[in-house]
Amino acid sequence: MWYQHRLTGFTEIQNPTQRYTVIDITALLELTAINNLDQFQKQQQSWINNKMETNLKQNTIWSQSLAVCSANFVERFNNRLR
């Protein structure tokens, strides 16, 4: 999934290393009032799953919309892909 990309911070939180970190885990836990990293990791996963489910249900633009354009545009676009 997109959120598992190494540059999103998700990977650093879910699989933290001892060196070369960008995220201050201690500060993150304090700011979110969550007691430990394991609990935060589970909560983060829950937030992402809930948001993805909610967005997929609410934003039908991603699943039900039709592109409206001219046949000429489609033809030119197809030619560029070849």
PDB file of N, CA and C in Angstrom:
ATOM      1  N   MET A   1       0.839  -1.189   0.000  1.00  0.00           N
ATOM      2  CA  MET A   1       0.000   0.000   0.000  1.00  0.00           C
ATOM      3  C   MET A   1       0.882   1.250   0.000  1.00  0.00           C
ATOM      4  N   TRP A   2       0.291   2.359  -0.421  1.00  0.00           N
ATOM      5  CA  TRP A   2       1.028   3.614  -0.519  1.00  0.00           C
ATOM      6  C   TRP A   2       1.604   4.057   0.819  1.00  0.00           C
ATOM      7  N   TYR A   3       0.883   3.819   1.905  1.00  0.00           N
ATOM      8  CA  TYR A   3       1.347   4.293   3.211  1.00  0.00           C
ATOM      9  C   TYR A   3       2.518   3.468   3.734  1.00  0.00           C
ATOM     10  N   GLN A   4       2.816   2.334   3.115  1.00  0.00           N
ATOM     11  CA  GLN A   4       3.929   1.515   3.552  1.00  0.00           C
ATOM     12  C   GLN A   4       5.230   1.893   2.847  1.00  0.00           C
ATOM     13  N   HIS A   5       5.181   2.893   1.995  1.00  0.00           N
ATOM     14  CA  HIS A   5       6.388   3.347   1.303  1.00  0.00           C
ATOM     15  C   HIS A   5       7.395   3.824   2.341  1.00  0.00           C
ATOM     16  N   ARG A   6       8.657   3.573   2.116  1.00  0.00           N
ATOM     17  CA  ARG A   6       9.680   3.864   3.124  1.00  0.00           C
ATOM     18  C   ARG A   6       9.803   5.342   3.459  1.00  0.00           C
ATOM     19  N   LEU A   7       9.315   6.240   2.624  1.00  0.00           N
ATOM     20  CA  LEU A   7       9.462   7.671   2.882  1.00  0.00           C
ATOM     21  C   LEU A   7       8.248   8.297   3.567  1.00  0.00           C
ATOM     22  N   THR A   8       7.235   7.531   3.904  1.00  0.00           N
ATOM     23  CA  THR A   8       6.041   8.109   4.530  1.00  0.00           C
ATOM     24  C   THR A   8       6.139   8.213   6.046  1.00  0.00           C
ATOM     25  N   GLY A   9       7.056   7.535   6.665  1.00  0.00           N
ATOM     26  CA  GLY A   9       7.152   7.515   8.117  1.00  0.00           C
ATOM     27  C   GLY A   9       6.446   6.309   8.716  1.00  0.00           C
ATOM     28  N   PHE A  10       5.535   5.720   7.962  1.00  0.00           N
ATOM     29  CA  PHE A  10       4.811   4.551   8.439  1.00  0.00           C
ATOM     30  C   PHE A  10       5.779   3.423   8.792  1.00  0.00           C
ATOM     31  N   THR A  11       6.717   3.163   7.900  1.00  0.00           N
ATOM     32  CA  THR A  11       7.671   2.075   8.108  1.00  0.00           C
ATOM     33  C   THR A  11       8.541   2.344   9.329  1.00  0.00           C
ATOM     34  N   GLU A  12       8.955   3.586   9.510  1.00  0.00           N
ATOM     35  CA  GLU A  12       9.794   3.911  10.666  1.00  0.00           C
ATOM     36  C   GLU A  12       9.045   3.711  11.972  1.00  0.00           C
ATOM     37  N   ILE A  13       7.755   3.984  11.978  1.00  0.00           N
ATOM     38  CA  ILE A  13       6.959   3.794  13.194  1.00  0.00           C
ATOM     39  C   ILE A  13       6.659   2.312  13.410  1.00  0.00           C
ATOM     40  N   GLN A  14       6.311   1.618  12.352  1.00  0.00           N
ATOM     41  CA  GLN A  14       5.953   0.208  12.492  1.00  0.00           C
ATOM     42  C   GLN A  14       7.168  -0.697  12.712  1.00  0.00           C
ATOM     43  N   ASN A  15       8.317  -0.324  12.156  1.00  0.00           N
ATOM     44  CA  ASN A  15       9.550  -1.113  12.286  1.00  0.00           C
ATOM     45  C   ASN A  15      10.715  -0.193  12.647  1.00  0.00           C
ATOM     46  N   PRO A  16      10.707   0.365  13.839  1.00  0.00           N
ATOM     47  CA  PRO A  16      11.736   1.350  14.198  1.00  0.00           C
ATOM     48  C   PRO A  16      13.131   0.739  14.289  1.00  0.00           C
ATOM     49  N   THR A  17      14.096   1.563  13.958  1.00  0.00           N
ATOM     50  CA  THR A  17      15.499   1.167  14.096  1.00  0.00           C
ATOM     51  C   THR A  17      16.121   1.982  15.221  1.00  0.00           C
ATOM     52  N   GLN A  18      17.271   1.583  15.669  1.00  0.00           N
ATOM     53  CA  GLN A  18      17.945   2.300  16.744  1.00  0.00           C
ATOM     54  C   GLN A  18      18.718   3.515  16.228  1.00  0.00           C
ATOM     55  N   ARG A  19      19.126   3.467  14.955  1.00  0.00           N
ATOM     56  CA  ARG A  19      19.941   4.543  14.403  1.00  0.00           C
ATOM     57  C   ARG A  19      19.260   5.169  13.200  1.00  0.00           C
ATOM     58  N   TYR A  20      19.684   6.369  12.908  1.00  0.00           N
ATOM     59  CA  TYR A  20      19.258   7.095  11.709  1.00  0.00           C
ATOM     60  C   TYR A  20      17.745   7.240  11.594  1.00  0.00           C
ATOM     61  N   THR A  21      17.104   7.645  12.662  1.00  0.00           N
ATOM     62  CA  THR A  21      15.660   7.843  12.624  1.00  0.00           C
ATOM     63  C   THR A  21      15.336   9.315  12.378  1.00  0.00           C
ATOM     64  N   VAL A  22      14.189   9.542  11.829  1.00  0.00           N
ATOM     65  CA  VAL A  22      13.701  10.897  11.592  1.00  0.00           C
ATOM     66  C   VAL A  22      12.641  11.249  12.629  1.00  0.00           C
ATOM     67  N   ILE A  23      11.833  10.284  13.001  1.00  0.00           N
ATOM     68  CA  ILE A  23      10.719  10.505  13.919  1.00  0.00           C
ATOM     69  C   ILE A  23      11.179  10.322  15.363  1.00  0.00           C
ATOM     70  N   ASP A  24      10.850  11.294  16.191  1.00  0.00           N
ATOM     71  CA  ASP A  24      11.130  11.215  17.626  1.00  0.00           C
ATOM     72  C   ASP A  24       9.966  10.462  18.268  1.00  0.00           C
ATOM     73  N   ILE A  25      10.143   9.169  18.452  1.00  0.00           N
ATOM     74  CA  ILE A  25       9.073   8.307  18.963  1.00  0.00           C
ATOM     75  C   ILE A  25       8.609   8.756  20.348  1.00  0.00           C
ATOM     76  N   THR A  26       9.534   9.130  21.209  1.00  0.00           N
ATOM     77  CA  THR A  26       9.172   9.573  22.562  1.00  0.00           C
ATOM     78  C   THR A  26       8.263  10.788  22.505  1.00  0.00           C
ATOM     79  N   ALA A  27       8.616  11.768  21.691  1.00  0.00           N
ATOM     80  CA  ALA A  27       7.785  12.973  21.547  1.00  0.00           C
ATOM     81  C   ALA A  27       6.432  12.626  20.919  1.00  0.00           C
ATOM     82  N   LEU A  28       6.439  11.729  19.952  1.00  0.00           N
ATOM     83  CA  LEU A  28       5.194  11.313  19.299  1.00  0.00           C
ATOM     84  C   LEU A  28       4.235  10.683  20.305  1.00  0.00           C
ATOM     85  N   LEU A  29       4.758   9.822  21.154  1.00  0.00           N
ATOM     86  CA  LEU A  29       3.922   9.180  22.168  1.00  0.00           C
ATOM     87  C   LEU A  29       3.390  10.202  23.171  1.00  0.00           C
ATOM     88  N   GLU A  30       4.231  11.154  23.546  1.00  0.00           N
ATOM     89  CA  GLU A  30       3.777  12.203  24.470  1.00  0.00           C
ATOM     90  C   GLU A  30       2.678  13.057  23.846  1.00  0.00           C
ATOM     91  N   LEU A  31       2.870  13.440  22.592  1.00  0.00           N
ATOM     92  CA  LEU A  31       1.888  14.291  21.907  1.00  0.00           C
ATOM     93  C   LEU A  31       0.548  13.600  21.702  1.00  0.00           C
ATOM     94  N   THR A  32       0.569  12.303  21.530  1.00  0.00           N
ATOM     95  CA  THR A  32      -0.673  11.567  21.303  1.00  0.00           C
ATOM     96  C   THR A  32      -1.252  10.965  22.572  1.00  0.00           C
ATOM     97  N   ALA A  33      -0.534  11.120  23.681  1.00  0.00           N
ATOM     98  CA  ALA A  33      -0.962  10.583  24.986  1.00  0.00           C
ATOM     99  C   ALA A  33      -1.165   9.073  24.933  1.00  0.00           C
ATOM    100  N   ILE A  34      -0.345   8.407  24.132  1.00  0.00           N
ATOM    101  CA  ILE A  34      -0.367   6.949  24.065  1.00  0.00           C
ATOM    102  C   ILE A  34       0.848   6.450  24.840  1.00  0.00           C
ATOM    103  N   ASN A  35       0.650   5.424  25.648  1.00  0.00           N
ATOM    104  CA  ASN A  35       1.660   4.998  26.615  1.00  0.00           C
ATOM    105  C   ASN A  35       2.871   4.287  26.052  1.00  0.00           C
ATOM    106  N   ASN A  36       2.711   3.510  24.990  1.00  0.00           N
ATOM    107  CA  ASN A  36       3.852   2.757  24.487  1.00  0.00           C
ATOM    108  C   ASN A  36       3.780   2.610  22.970  1.00  0.00           C
ATOM    109  N   LEU A  37       4.918   2.268  22.396  1.00  0.00           N
ATOM    110  CA  LEU A  37       5.025   2.189  20.941  1.00  0.00           C
ATOM    111  C   LEU A  37       4.129   1.102  20.366  1.00  0.00           C
ATOM    112  N   ASP A  38       4.040  -0.034  21.024  1.00  0.00           N
ATOM    113  CA  ASP A  38       3.194  -1.120  20.523  1.00  0.00           C
ATOM    114  C   ASP A  38       1.743  -0.667  20.391  1.00  0.00           C
ATOM    115  N   GLN A  39       1.264   0.035  21.396  1.00  0.00           N
ATOM    116  CA  GLN A  39      -0.102   0.552  21.374  1.00  0.00           C
ATOM    117  C   GLN A  39      -0.261   1.580  20.250  1.00  0.00           C
ATOM    118  N   PHE A  40       0.736   2.442  20.068  1.00  0.00           N
ATOM    119  CA  PHE A  40       0.666   3.441  18.996  1.00  0.00           C
ATOM    120  C   PHE A  40       0.666   2.768  17.625  1.00  0.00           C
ATOM    121  N   GLN A  41       1.485   1.750  17.448  1.00  0.00           N
ATOM    122  CA  GLN A  41       1.539   1.048  16.171  1.00  0.00           C
ATOM    123  C   GLN A  41       0.174   0.460  15.805  1.00  0.00           C
ATOM    124  N   LYS A  42      -0.475  -0.152  16.781  1.00  0.00           N
ATOM    125  CA  LYS A  42      -1.815  -0.710  16.545  1.00  0.00           C
ATOM    126  C   LYS A  42      -2.810   0.397  16.232  1.00  0.00           C
ATOM    127  N   GLN A  43      -2.718   1.512  16.965  1.00  0.00           N
ATOM    128  CA  GLN A  43      -3.635   2.631  16.739  1.00  0.00           C
ATOM    129  C   GLN A  43      -3.409   3.249  15.363  1.00  0.00           C
ATOM    130  N   GLN A  44      -2.157   3.398  14.974  1.00  0.00           N
ATOM    131  CA  GLN A  44      -1.843   3.958  13.658  1.00  0.00           C
ATOM    132  C   GLN A  44      -2.444   3.089  12.551  1.00  0.00           C
ATOM    133  N   GLN A  45      -2.282   1.792  12.674  1.00  0.00           N
ATOM    134  CA  GLN A  45      -2.836   0.872  11.678  1.00  0.00           C
ATOM    135  C   GLN A  45      -4.354   0.992  11.636  1.00  0.00           C
ATOM    136  N   SER A  46      -4.967   1.129  12.795  1.00  0.00           N
ATOM    137  CA  SER A  46      -6.426   1.285  12.864  1.00  0.00           C
ATOM    138  C   SER A  46      -6.874   2.591  12.209  1.00  0.00           C
ATOM    139  N   TRP A  47      -6.158   3.692  12.479  1.00  0.00           N
ATOM    140  CA  TRP A  47      -6.491   4.974  11.852  1.00  0.00           C
ATOM    141  C   TRP A  47      -6.441   4.871  10.334  1.00  0.00           C
ATOM    142  N   ILE A  48      -5.393   4.253   9.831  1.00  0.00           N
ATOM    143  CA  ILE A  48      -5.223   4.134   8.379  1.00  0.00           C
ATOM    144  C   ILE A  48      -6.327   3.270   7.786  1.00  0.00           C
ATOM    145  N   ASN A  49      -6.583   2.116   8.403  1.00  0.00           N
ATOM    146  CA  ASN A  49      -7.628   1.234   7.881  1.00  0.00           C
ATOM    147  C   ASN A  49      -8.996   1.904   7.881  1.00  0.00           C
ATOM    148  N   ASN A  50      -9.324   2.587   8.979  1.00  0.00           N
ATOM    149  CA  ASN A  50     -10.617   3.278   9.070  1.00  0.00           C
ATOM    150  C   ASN A  50     -10.723   4.384   8.033  1.00  0.00           C
ATOM    151  N   LYS A  51      -9.664   5.147   7.864  1.00  0.00           N
ATOM    152  CA  LYS A  51      -9.681   6.248   6.895  1.00  0.00           C
ATOM    153  C   LYS A  51      -9.832   5.728   5.478  1.00  0.00           C
ATOM    154  N   MET A  52      -9.137   4.654   5.173  1.00  0.00           N
ATOM    155  CA  MET A  52      -9.220   4.095   3.827  1.00  0.00           C
ATOM    156  C   MET A  52     -10.626   3.558   3.551  1.00  0.00           C
ATOM    157  N   GLU A  53     -11.212   2.868   4.513  1.00  0.00           N
ATOM    158  CA  GLU A  53     -12.567   2.343   4.341  1.00  0.00           C
ATOM    159  C   GLU A  53     -13.570   3.482   4.202  1.00  0.00           C
ATOM    160  N   THR A  54     -13.437   4.502   5.028  1.00  0.00           N
ATOM    161  CA  THR A  54     -14.346   5.650   4.988  1.00  0.00           C
ATOM    162  C   THR A  54     -14.219   6.394   3.667  1.00  0.00           C
ATOM    163  N   ASN A  55     -12.985   6.656   3.250  1.00  0.00           N
ATOM    164  CA  ASN A  55     -12.777   7.381   2.000  1.00  0.00           C
ATOM    165  C   ASN A  55     -13.289   6.606   0.806  1.00  0.00           C
ATOM    166  N   LEU A  56     -13.084   5.304   0.788  1.00  0.00           N
ATOM    167  CA  LEU A  56     -13.552   4.509  -0.339  1.00  0.00           C
ATOM    168  C   LEU A  56     -15.072   4.512  -0.417  1.00  0.00           C
ATOM    169  N   LYS A  57     -15.729   4.550   0.730  1.00  0.00           N
ATOM    170  CA  LYS A  57     -17.194   4.585   0.747  1.00  0.00           C
ATOM    171  C   LYS A  57     -17.720   5.973   0.387  1.00  0.00           C
ATOM    172  N   GLN A  58     -17.076   7.022   0.873  1.00  0.00           N
ATOM    173  CA  GLN A  58     -17.567   8.376   0.675  1.00  0.00           C
ATOM    174  C   GLN A  58     -17.166   8.970  -0.663  1.00  0.00           C
ATOM    175  N   ASN A  59     -15.980   8.683  -1.125  1.00  0.00           N
ATOM    176  CA  ASN A  59     -15.479   9.292  -2.349  1.00  0.00           C
ATOM    177  C   ASN A  59     -15.697   8.379  -3.540  1.00  0.00           C
ATOM    178  N   THR A  60     -16.932   8.332  -3.989  1.00  0.00           N
ATOM    179  CA  THR A  60     -17.252   7.480  -5.134  1.00  0.00           C
ATOM    180  C   THR A  60     -16.598   7.984  -6.405  1.00  0.00           C
ATOM    181  N   ILE A  61     -16.007   9.177  -6.340  1.00  0.00           N
ATOM    182  CA  ILE A  61     -15.296   9.701  -7.502  1.00  0.00           C
ATOM    183  C   ILE A  61     -14.211   8.724  -7.960  1.00  0.00           C
ATOM    184  N   TRP A  62     -13.636   7.955  -7.024  1.00  0.00           N
ATOM    185  CA  TRP A  62     -12.559   7.031  -7.365  1.00  0.00           C
ATOM    186  C   TRP A  62     -13.073   5.737  -7.983  1.00  0.00           C
ATOM    187  N   SER A  63     -14.347   5.435  -7.795  1.00  0.00           N
ATOM    188  CA  SER A  63     -14.836   4.156  -8.289  1.00  0.00           C
ATOM    189  C   SER A  63     -16.006   4.262  -9.269  1.00  0.00           C
ATOM    190  N   GLN A  64     -16.699   5.400  -9.293  1.00  0.00           N
ATOM    191  CA  GLN A  64     -17.909   5.476 -10.106  1.00  0.00           C
ATOM    192  C   GLN A  64     -17.910   6.619 -11.115  1.00  0.00           C
ATOM    193  N   SER A  65     -16.923   7.463 -11.092  1.00  0.00           N
ATOM    194  CA  SER A  65     -16.912   8.609 -11.997  1.00  0.00           C
ATOM    195  C   SER A  65     -16.474   8.196 -13.394  1.00  0.00           C
ATOM    196  N   LEU A  66     -16.971   8.933 -14.347  1.00  0.00           N
ATOM    197  CA  LEU A  66     -16.565   8.744 -15.734  1.00  0.00           C
ATOM    198  C   LEU A  66     -15.790   9.963 -16.188  1.00  0.00           C
ATOM    199  N   ALA A  67     -14.775   9.741 -16.933  1.00  0.00           N
ATOM    200  CA  ALA A  67     -14.039  10.865 -17.504  1.00  0.00           C
ATOM    201  C   ALA A  67     -14.847  11.414 -18.662  1.00  0.00           C
ATOM    202  N   VAL A  68     -14.981  12.718 -18.711  1.00  0.00           N
ATOM    203  CA  VAL A  68     -15.731  13.352 -19.785  1.00  0.00           C
ATOM    204  C   VAL A  68     -14.746  14.141 -20.632  1.00  0.00           C
ATOM    205  N   CYS A  69     -14.636  13.737 -21.870  1.00  0.00           N
ATOM    206  CA  CYS A  69     -13.734  14.425 -22.778  1.00  0.00           C
ATOM    207  C   CYS A  69     -14.138  14.082 -24.207  1.00  0.00           C
ATOM    208  N   SER A  70     -13.462  14.695 -25.118  1.00  0.00           N
ATOM    209  CA  SER A  70     -13.797  14.463 -26.527  1.00  0.00           C
ATOM    210  C   SER A  70     -13.109  13.200 -27.033  1.00  0.00           C
ATOM    211  N   ALA A  71     -13.656  12.652 -28.094  1.00  0.00           N
ATOM    212  CA  ALA A  71     -13.053  11.478 -28.729  1.00  0.00           C
ATOM    213  C   ALA A  71     -11.669  11.830 -29.257  1.00  0.00           C
ATOM    214  N   ASN A  72     -11.499  13.067 -29.719  1.00  0.00           N
ATOM    215  CA  ASN A  72     -10.208  13.521 -30.220  1.00  0.00           C
ATOM    216  C   ASN A  72      -9.147  13.468 -29.113  1.00  0.00           C
ATOM    217  N   PHE A  73      -9.504  13.895 -27.912  1.00  0.00           N
ATOM    218  CA  PHE A  73      -8.583  13.856 -26.785  1.00  0.00           C
ATOM    219  C   PHE A  73      -8.155  12.421 -26.488  1.00  0.00           C
ATOM    220  N   VAL A  74      -9.116  11.513 -26.452  1.00  0.00           N
ATOM    221  CA  VAL A  74      -8.819  10.109 -26.166  1.00  0.00           C
ATOM    222  C   VAL A  74      -7.887   9.542 -27.231  1.00  0.00           C
ATOM    223  N   GLU A  75      -8.148   9.862 -28.467  1.00  0.00           N
ATOM    224  CA  GLU A  75      -7.313   9.366 -29.563  1.00  0.00           C
ATOM    225  C   GLU A  75      -5.880   9.892 -29.443  1.00  0.00           C
ATOM    226  N   ARG A  76      -5.716  11.191 -29.165  1.00  0.00           N
ATOM    227  CA  ARG A  76      -4.379  11.767 -29.004  1.00  0.00           C
ATOM    228  C   ARG A  76      -3.651  11.148 -27.817  1.00  0.00           C
ATOM    229  N   PHE A  77      -4.382  10.937 -26.733  1.00  0.00           N
ATOM    230  CA  PHE A  77      -3.794  10.336 -25.540  1.00  0.00           C
ATOM    231  C   PHE A  77      -3.316   8.924 -25.832  1.00  0.00           C
ATOM    232  N   ASN A  78      -4.129   8.154 -26.490  1.00  0.00           N
ATOM    233  CA  ASN A  78      -3.752   6.777 -26.858  1.00  0.00           C
ATOM    234  C   ASN A  78      -2.521   6.769 -27.749  1.00  0.00           C
ATOM    235  N   ASN A  79      -2.442   7.703 -28.671  1.00  0.00           N
ATOM    236  CA  ASN A  79      -1.275   7.784 -29.569  1.00  0.00           C
ATOM    237  C   ASN A  79      -0.004   8.084 -28.791  1.00  0.00           C
ATOM    238  N   ARG A  80      -0.094   8.901 -27.755  1.00  0.00           N
ATOM    239  CA  ARG A  80       1.094   9.236 -26.950  1.00  0.00           C
ATOM    240  C   ARG A  80       1.553   8.031 -26.134  1.00  0.00           C
ATOM    241  N   LEU A  81       0.627   7.164 -25.757  1.00  0.00           N
ATOM    242  CA  LEU A  81       0.976   5.977 -24.970  1.00  0.00           C
ATOM    243  C   LEU A  81       1.718   4.947 -25.790  1.00  0.00           C
ATOM    244  N   ARG A  82       1.537   4.980 -27.089  1.00  0.00           N
ATOM    245  CA  ARG A  82       2.170   3.964 -27.948  1.00  0.00           C
ATOM    246  C   ARG A  82       3.583   4.268 -28.223  1.00  0.00           C
TER     247      ARG A  82
END
